[in-house]
């Protein structure tokens, strides 16, 4: 499963719901942003070489990030995981092509993977970033001022990423991420055809108020 989209669109939240649905012992997360932040924290040389690029909202070189995600992927394989959730890789055509290569597409076939593009307005993403910082769910790392640059970079690259996946015969689903986060996660889970494993105890953050007589997102999922 790959989840792509602009900064603060809800990729991390959606990944957590996939884990909650399928079980943390079944899903291996490959979160490029976290891999970069963790390496910045522990590797002064890496921080000195690429810290400014991150601060300015740019993409780190393909030659830098690709070995990082490949290593993380291999760790999951070695640990015996069989479901992998990629968050934030395939940010441009070259990364998308590499992701397909790693997945051995079209060898594995379109039914064995899903690529989700979460699409939301600038205002929606900005609001979620501000809320995450205010609530303490995201630390202010000093790079949030480049939000617009990151959003613009994603908007520029998104069409070529989608085209690359689709040209391989792959499955790409565009998710309206302006909707509440709970609805986004449900859309992804339904598309993954993992409805029956969905745990009834999951409580969605920012779940919308449901008018009397209408189904909640959870009821809609069960009905589906």
Protein backbone atom coordinates (compact mmCIF):
# COMPACT_ATOMS: atom_id res chain seq x y z
CA UNK A 1 0.00 0.00 0.00
CA UNK A 2 1.37 3.42 -0.90
CA UNK A 3 -0.09 6.65 0.46
CA UNK A 4 0.93 9.86 -1.28
CA UNK A 5 -0.17 13.45 -1.04
CA UNK A 6 0.93 16.94 -0.01
CA UNK A 7 2.38 17.78 3.36
CA UNK A 8 -0.07 17.47 6.26
CA UNK A 9 -2.80 15.96 4.10
CA UNK A 10 -3.38 13.04 6.45
CA UNK A 11 -0.95 10.34 5.28
CA UNK A 12 0.29 9.57 8.77
CA UNK A 13 -3.20 9.37 10.25
CA UNK A 14 -4.34 7.05 7.46
CA UNK A 15 -1.33 4.80 7.99
CA UNK A 16 -2.14 4.52 11.70
CA UNK A 17 -5.69 3.44 10.87
CA UNK A 18 -4.40 0.77 8.49
CA UNK A 19 -2.28 -0.57 11.35
CA UNK A 20 -5.25 -0.39 13.73
CA UNK A 21 -7.37 -2.29 11.22
CA UNK A 22 -4.94 -5.02 10.21
CA UNK A 23 -2.82 -5.20 13.36
CA UNK A 24 0.59 -3.75 14.18
CA UNK A 25 2.20 -7.18 13.91
CA UNK A 26 1.01 -7.49 10.31
CA UNK A 27 1.73 -4.06 8.78
CA UNK A 28 5.26 -2.70 8.28
CA UNK A 29 5.37 1.08 7.90
CA UNK A 30 7.91 2.76 5.62
CA UNK A 31 7.57 6.47 6.40
CA UNK A 32 10.11 8.50 4.46
CA UNK A 33 9.62 11.66 6.50
CA UNK A 34 10.30 9.79 9.74
CA UNK A 35 13.35 8.08 8.27
CA UNK A 36 14.77 11.48 7.31
CA UNK A 37 13.99 13.11 10.68
CA UNK A 38 15.46 10.18 12.62
CA UNK A 39 18.64 10.28 10.58
CA UNK A 40 18.91 14.05 11.00
CA UNK A 41 18.72 13.54 14.77
CA UNK A 42 21.40 10.87 14.97
CA UNK A 43 23.76 11.74 12.09
CA UNK A 44 25.47 15.13 12.34
CA UNK A 45 27.14 14.70 8.95
CA UNK A 46 23.81 13.96 7.26
CA UNK A 47 22.21 16.92 9.04
CA UNK A 48 25.02 19.20 7.96
CA UNK A 49 24.81 18.10 4.34
CA UNK A 50 21.04 18.03 3.86
CA UNK A 51 19.56 20.03 6.73
CA UNK A 52 19.33 23.20 4.66
CA UNK A 53 17.53 21.40 1.84
CA UNK A 54 14.93 20.11 4.29
CA UNK A 55 14.58 23.53 5.89
CA UNK A 56 13.85 25.03 2.47
CA UNK A 57 11.22 22.41 1.64
CA UNK A 58 13.18 20.68 -1.10
CA UNK A 59 13.37 16.99 -1.93
CA UNK A 60 16.49 15.14 -0.88
CA UNK A 61 18.35 13.48 -3.77
CA UNK A 62 17.01 10.23 -5.13
CA UNK A 63 20.36 8.61 -4.40
CA UNK A 64 19.97 9.51 -0.72
CA UNK A 65 16.36 8.59 0.09
CA UNK A 66 16.02 5.47 -2.06
CA UNK A 67 18.58 3.38 -0.14
CA UNK A 68 16.88 4.51 3.08
CA UNK A 69 13.45 3.19 2.07
CA UNK A 70 14.94 0.04 0.51
CA UNK A 71 16.76 -0.74 3.76
CA UNK A 72 13.59 -0.19 5.78
CA UNK A 73 11.62 -2.40 3.36
CA UNK A 74 14.19 -5.17 3.67
CA UNK A 75 14.01 -4.96 7.46
CA UNK A 76 10.28 -5.61 7.24
CA UNK A 77 10.80 -8.57 4.91
CA UNK A 78 13.42 -10.02 7.23
CA UNK A 79 11.02 -9.59 10.17
CA UNK A 80 8.39 -11.66 8.35
CA UNK A 81 5.88 -8.94 7.46
CA UNK A 82 3.69 -9.42 4.40
CA UNK A 83 1.81 -6.11 4.31
CA UNK A 84 3.81 -2.93 3.69
CA UNK A 85 2.55 0.63 3.89
CA UNK A 86 4.68 3.24 2.12
CA UNK A 87 4.15 6.81 3.28
CA UNK A 88 5.72 9.70 1.38
CA UNK A 89 7.86 7.89 -1.18
CA UNK A 90 7.16 8.23 -4.93
CA UNK A 91 7.22 12.03 -4.74
CA UNK A 92 8.31 12.35 -8.37
CA UNK A 93 8.48 10.22 -11.51
CA UNK A 94 11.85 8.68 -10.75
CA UNK A 95 10.79 7.62 -7.26
CA UNK A 96 7.52 6.23 -8.65
CA UNK A 97 9.44 4.15 -11.17
CA UNK A 98 11.69 2.84 -8.40
CA UNK A 99 8.71 1.99 -6.22
CA UNK A 100 7.23 -0.07 -9.05
CA UNK A 101 10.58 -1.81 -9.48
CA UNK A 102 10.77 -2.62 -5.78
CA UNK A 103 7.24 -3.96 -5.94
CA UNK A 104 8.20 -5.96 -9.06
CA UNK A 105 5.23 -4.55 -10.93
CA UNK A 106 3.70 -5.74 -13.20
CA UNK A 107 5.07 -9.11 -12.10
CA UNK A 108 3.05 -9.18 -8.87
CA UNK A 109 -0.10 -7.93 -10.59
CA UNK A 110 -2.36 -5.01 -9.83
CA UNK A 111 -4.42 -6.93 -7.27
CA UNK A 112 -1.50 -7.12 -4.86
CA UNK A 113 -0.89 -3.43 -4.36
CA UNK A 114 -2.75 -0.17 -4.01
CA UNK A 115 -1.53 3.38 -4.63
CA UNK A 116 -3.57 6.13 -2.99
CA UNK A 117 -3.19 9.80 -3.81
CA UNK A 118 -4.72 11.96 -1.08
CA UNK A 119 -5.75 15.24 -2.65
CA UNK A 120 -6.73 18.26 -0.56
CA UNK A 121 -6.72 22.03 -0.82
CA UNK A 122 -3.90 24.15 0.49
CA UNK A 123 -6.22 25.51 3.20
CA UNK A 124 -7.15 22.02 4.39
CA UNK A 125 -3.52 20.92 4.67
CA UNK A 126 -2.46 24.15 6.33
CA UNK A 127 -5.25 23.81 8.87
CA UNK A 128 -4.24 20.25 9.72
CA UNK A 129 -0.63 21.29 10.16
CA UNK A 130 -1.60 24.11 12.51
CA UNK A 131 -3.91 21.81 14.48
CA UNK A 132 -1.23 19.14 14.80
CA UNK A 133 1.30 21.66 16.14
CA UNK A 134 -1.20 23.27 18.51
CA UNK A 135 -2.24 19.89 19.94
CA UNK A 136 1.32 18.65 20.31
CA UNK A 137 0.85 15.80 17.80
CA UNK A 138 3.59 17.34 15.69
CA UNK A 139 6.56 19.22 16.99
CA UNK A 140 7.50 22.53 15.47
CA UNK A 141 10.77 21.47 13.87
CA UNK A 142 11.51 24.89 12.48
CA UNK A 143 10.69 23.94 8.89
CA UNK A 144 6.95 24.60 8.90
CA UNK A 145 7.48 28.00 7.27
CA UNK A 146 8.15 26.22 3.98
CA UNK A 147 4.70 24.65 3.89
CA UNK A 148 3.76 26.50 0.69
CA UNK A 149 6.94 25.41 -1.09
CA UNK A 150 6.27 21.77 -0.23
CA UNK A 151 2.64 21.99 -1.25
CA UNK A 152 3.59 23.59 -4.56
CA UNK A 153 6.27 20.97 -5.23
CA UNK A 154 3.77 18.18 -4.67
CA UNK A 155 1.21 19.84 -6.96
CA UNK A 156 3.85 20.08 -9.68
CA UNK A 157 4.92 16.44 -9.42
CA UNK A 158 1.58 14.75 -8.73
CA UNK A 159 0.44 14.32 -12.39
CA UNK A 160 3.65 12.57 -13.46
CA UNK A 161 3.54 10.25 -10.45
CA UNK A 162 -0.04 9.20 -11.20
CA UNK A 163 0.78 8.76 -14.89
CA UNK A 164 3.79 6.58 -14.08
CA UNK A 165 1.78 4.24 -11.84
CA UNK A 166 -1.13 3.98 -14.26
CA UNK A 167 1.11 3.37 -17.28
CA UNK A 168 2.43 0.30 -15.48
CA UNK A 169 -1.12 -1.02 -15.29
CA UNK A 170 -1.25 -0.16 -11.63
CA UNK A 171 -4.18 0.75 -9.47
CA UNK A 172 -4.33 4.41 -8.46
CA UNK A 173 -7.19 5.80 -6.42
CA UNK A 174 -7.62 9.53 -5.87
CA UNK A 175 -9.03 10.24 -2.40
CA UNK A 176 -10.80 13.51 -1.61
CA UNK A 177 -8.80 14.39 1.48
CA UNK A 178 -10.79 17.56 2.13
CA UNK A 179 -13.22 15.23 3.89
CA UNK A 180 -12.75 14.43 7.60
CA UNK A 181 -9.82 12.19 8.39
CA UNK A 182 -12.05 9.30 9.41
CA UNK A 183 -13.70 9.24 6.01
CA UNK A 184 -10.30 9.24 4.29
CA UNK A 185 -9.15 6.21 6.28
CA UNK A 186 -12.39 4.33 5.56
CA UNK A 187 -12.06 5.02 1.82
CA UNK A 188 -8.55 3.59 1.84
CA UNK A 189 -9.50 0.54 3.88
CA UNK A 190 -12.49 -0.26 1.69
CA UNK A 191 -10.35 0.04 -1.43
CA UNK A 192 -7.83 -2.33 0.10
CA UNK A 193 -10.67 -4.85 0.44
CA UNK A 194 -9.83 -5.41 4.07
CA UNK A 195 -13.27 -4.51 5.40
CA UNK A 196 -13.84 -7.75 7.27
CA UNK A 197 -10.70 -7.27 9.36
CA UNK A 198 -11.74 -3.79 10.45
CA UNK A 199 -11.83 -3.61 14.24
CA UNK A 200 -15.04 -2.28 15.73
CA UNK A 201 -13.11 -0.58 18.54
CA UNK A 202 -11.38 1.97 16.30
CA UNK A 203 -12.28 5.55 17.16
CA UNK A 204 -11.68 8.03 14.37
CA UNK A 205 -10.25 11.41 15.16
CA UNK A 206 -12.29 14.33 13.79
CA UNK A 207 -15.16 12.01 12.90
CA UNK A 208 -17.96 14.22 11.58
CA UNK A 209 -21.22 14.80 13.37
CA UNK A 210 -23.85 12.57 11.78
CA UNK A 211 -27.35 13.88 11.26
CA UNK A 212 -30.22 11.91 12.80
CA UNK A 213 -31.30 8.99 10.66
CA UNK A 214 -28.06 8.73 8.66
CA UNK A 215 -25.35 6.15 8.97
CA UNK A 216 -22.07 6.88 10.71
CA UNK A 217 -18.83 6.17 8.84
CA UNK A 218 -18.50 2.95 10.85
CA UNK A 219 -22.06 1.88 10.01
CA UNK A 220 -21.44 2.69 6.36
CA UNK A 221 -18.32 0.53 6.43
CA UNK A 222 -20.20 -2.42 7.92
CA UNK A 223 -22.99 -1.97 5.38
CA UNK A 224 -20.43 -1.93 2.58
